[in-house]
Amino acid sequence: MELCTSLPAAAELQTVAPSTATEVAKPLKSQPVDKNKIWLLFGAGAAGVFGTAVLLENNERLFPAIAKANKAMRMAQQMRESGVNKEEPPIETTAAEPSEDPSQSAFAAGLKEASQKAKAQSTSSQTAEAASPPQPDEPANGPNNGHAEAPHAAQVLHGPLKK
């Protein structure tokens, strides 16, 4: 008996008449599947995954950024509910005491001046924006179709190009 031959394998094929096949074939048993149970299991699994995700998100060791954001949102909500004024309290500066560092009093005075300028600037810019609608730099049918030209990469890295 030789295992490796170059001849094609010969096999006997048996054919069955179609009438015989239909006589022998039997229908499969119908398997009752309760689709309501499937949907119930699917819903319970989804709710379980969602609940687990919510619980894990509040774990500060696993997700520190989410925990900090949640704390900040809770604090902001508490401040809104307690009626704390949303505007910044005015910065109060007093005359420098002899024992106080002069750089600290200069810093406080500069901070007060800067906050006053910023408030004045914001109110003047708000009134100016309300008075005049924004004007486009170029007409819409201009060379750039109303869009500003993007700066060249060399301009971004090294400043304006010199010609």
Protein backbone atom coordinates (compact mmCIF):
# COMPACT_ATOMS: atom_id res chain seq x y z
CA MET A 1 0.00 0.00 0.00
CA GLU A 2 1.52 3.22 -1.11
CA LEU A 3 0.51 6.44 0.65
CA CYS A 4 1.93 8.97 -1.77
CA THR A 5 0.76 8.60 -5.33
CA SER A 6 0.45 11.08 -8.13
CA LEU A 7 -2.88 9.64 -9.27
CA PRO A 8 -6.08 11.43 -8.33
CA ALA A 9 -8.01 9.92 -5.49
CA ALA A 10 -10.82 7.71 -6.56
CA ALA A 11 -14.00 7.80 -4.54
CA GLU A 12 -17.35 6.28 -5.02
CA LEU A 13 -20.17 8.76 -5.14
CA GLN A 14 -23.63 7.70 -4.21
CA THR A 15 -26.51 9.60 -5.62
CA VAL A 16 -29.98 9.69 -4.14
CA ALA A 17 -33.12 10.30 -6.07
CA PRO A 18 -35.02 13.50 -5.11
CA SER A 19 -38.15 11.61 -4.19
CA THR A 20 -36.19 9.48 -1.74
CA ALA A 21 -34.63 12.58 -0.16
CA THR A 22 -38.01 14.21 0.45
CA GLU A 23 -39.40 11.02 1.98
CA VAL A 24 -36.49 10.70 4.42
CA ALA A 25 -36.16 14.40 5.34
CA LYS A 26 -38.00 15.51 8.47
CA PRO A 27 -38.67 19.11 9.56
CA LEU A 28 -36.69 20.47 12.46
CA LYS A 29 -38.37 20.74 15.81
CA SER A 30 -39.48 24.28 16.53
CA GLN A 31 -37.57 25.63 19.47
CA PRO A 32 -39.59 28.05 21.50
CA VAL A 33 -37.58 31.23 22.19
CA ASP A 34 -39.07 33.79 24.50
CA LYS A 35 -37.99 37.11 22.98
CA ASN A 36 -39.20 39.01 26.04
CA LYS A 37 -36.64 37.21 28.18
CA ILE A 38 -33.90 38.06 25.68
CA TRP A 39 -34.84 41.77 25.73
CA LEU A 40 -35.07 41.71 29.52
CA LEU A 41 -31.57 40.23 29.79
CA PHE A 42 -30.24 42.73 27.25
CA GLY A 43 -31.77 45.69 29.11
CA ALA A 44 -30.56 44.48 32.49
CA GLY A 45 -27.05 44.00 31.10
CA ALA A 46 -27.01 47.50 29.59
CA ALA A 47 -28.24 49.05 32.85
CA GLY A 48 -25.60 47.11 34.76
CA VAL A 49 -22.82 48.31 32.47
CA PHE A 50 -24.05 51.91 32.73
CA GLY A 51 -24.27 51.77 36.53
CA THR A 52 -20.81 50.26 36.79
CA ALA A 53 -19.38 52.98 34.52
CA VAL A 54 -20.95 55.72 36.64
CA LEU A 55 -19.58 54.21 39.83
CA LEU A 56 -16.11 53.77 38.36
CA GLU A 57 -16.03 57.34 37.01
CA ASN A 58 -16.42 58.68 40.54
CA ASN A 59 -13.39 56.70 41.71
CA GLU A 60 -10.68 59.34 42.06
CA ARG A 61 -7.85 56.80 41.76
CA LEU A 62 -9.07 55.51 38.38
CA PHE A 63 -10.29 58.78 36.82
CA PRO A 64 -8.82 61.79 38.68
CA ALA A 65 -9.79 64.37 36.05
CA ILE A 66 -13.45 63.34 36.03
CA ALA A 67 -13.58 63.33 39.83
CA LYS A 68 -12.10 66.84 39.99
CA ALA A 69 -14.50 68.13 37.35
CA ASN A 70 -17.45 66.63 39.23
CA LYS A 71 -16.30 68.29 42.46
CA ALA A 72 -15.91 71.65 40.72
CA MET A 73 -19.40 71.35 39.22
CA ARG A 74 -20.89 70.49 42.60
CA MET A 75 -19.18 73.49 44.20
CA ALA A 76 -20.40 75.81 41.42
CA GLN A 77 -23.94 74.49 41.83
CA GLN A 78 -23.78 75.06 45.60
CA MET A 79 -22.53 78.60 45.05
CA ARG A 80 -25.39 79.32 42.61
CA GLU A 81 -27.96 77.88 45.02
CA SER A 82 -26.61 79.78 48.01
CA GLY A 83 -26.96 83.09 46.14
CA VAL A 84 -23.32 84.06 46.01
CA ASN A 85 -22.79 87.03 43.70
CA LYS A 86 -21.48 85.89 40.32
CA GLU A 87 -19.32 88.98 39.85
CA GLU A 88 -15.85 89.17 41.30
CA PRO A 89 -15.65 90.98 44.61
CA PRO A 90 -13.79 94.27 44.33
CA ILE A 91 -10.14 94.13 45.26
CA GLU A 92 -9.50 96.23 48.31
CA THR A 93 -6.12 97.75 48.93
CA THR A 94 -5.10 99.58 52.02
CA ALA A 95 -2.19 101.82 52.69
CA ALA A 96 0.99 99.90 53.26
CA GLU A 97 1.85 99.38 56.87
CA PRO A 98 5.44 99.96 57.90
CA SER A 99 5.94 96.21 58.49
CA GLU A 100 4.35 95.28 55.12
CA ASP A 101 6.57 94.56 52.13
CA PRO A 102 6.52 97.53 49.69
CA SER A 103 6.50 95.22 46.66
CA GLN A 104 3.26 93.67 47.93
CA SER A 105 1.54 97.03 48.17
CA ALA A 106 2.80 97.99 44.70
CA PHE A 107 1.48 94.69 43.36
CA ALA A 108 -1.92 95.27 44.97
CA ALA A 109 -2.12 98.80 43.55
CA GLY A 110 -1.19 97.56 40.07
CA LEU A 111 -3.73 94.77 40.31
CA LYS A 112 -6.47 97.23 41.30
CA GLU A 113 -5.55 99.56 38.43
CA ALA A 114 -5.49 96.69 35.91
CA SER A 115 -8.89 95.40 37.05
CA GLN A 116 -10.40 98.88 36.72
CA LYS A 117 -8.95 99.24 33.20
CA ALA A 118 -10.22 95.80 32.21
CA LYS A 119 -13.73 96.60 33.46
CA ALA A 120 -13.73 99.93 31.62
CA GLN A 121 -12.42 98.29 28.46
CA SER A 122 -14.99 95.50 28.58
CA THR A 123 -17.90 97.90 29.02
CA SER A 124 -16.67 100.19 26.23
CA SER A 125 -16.09 97.25 23.86
CA GLN A 126 -19.53 95.83 24.63
CA THR A 127 -21.21 99.15 23.82
CA ALA A 128 -19.12 99.55 20.66
CA GLU A 129 -19.99 96.02 19.48
CA ALA A 130 -23.66 96.65 20.12
CA ALA A 131 -23.60 99.99 18.26
CA SER A 132 -21.96 98.83 15.03
CA PRO A 133 -22.31 95.47 13.27
CA PRO A 134 -19.07 93.76 12.25
CA GLN A 135 -17.79 94.69 8.79
CA PRO A 136 -16.02 92.14 6.58
CA ASP A 137 -12.40 92.94 5.64
CA GLU A 138 -12.97 92.16 1.96
CA PRO A 139 -16.11 91.74 -0.11
CA ALA A 140 -17.39 88.21 -0.47
CA ASN A 141 -16.50 88.17 -4.16
CA GLY A 142 -12.87 89.24 -3.51
CA PRO A 143 -9.79 87.16 -4.26
CA ASN A 144 -10.13 85.05 -1.12
CA ASN A 145 -13.92 84.85 -1.27
CA GLY A 146 -14.28 86.61 2.06
CA HIS A 147 -11.79 84.43 3.94
CA ALA A 148 -8.59 85.71 5.51
CA GLU A 149 -5.37 84.34 4.08
CA ALA A 150 -3.58 81.85 6.31
CA PRO A 151 -0.06 82.89 7.36
CA HIS A 152 2.89 81.14 5.81
CA ALA A 153 4.64 78.62 8.09
CA ALA A 154 7.79 80.77 8.11
CA GLN A 155 5.73 83.74 9.32
CA VAL A 156 4.42 81.72 12.21
CA LEU A 157 7.86 80.49 13.24
CA HIS A 158 10.06 83.52 12.45
CA GLY A 159 7.78 86.52 12.11
CA PRO A 160 6.80 88.43 8.94
CA LEU A 161 8.59 87.56 5.72
CA LYS A 162 11.03 90.18 4.44
CA LYS A 163 11.16 90.83 0.70
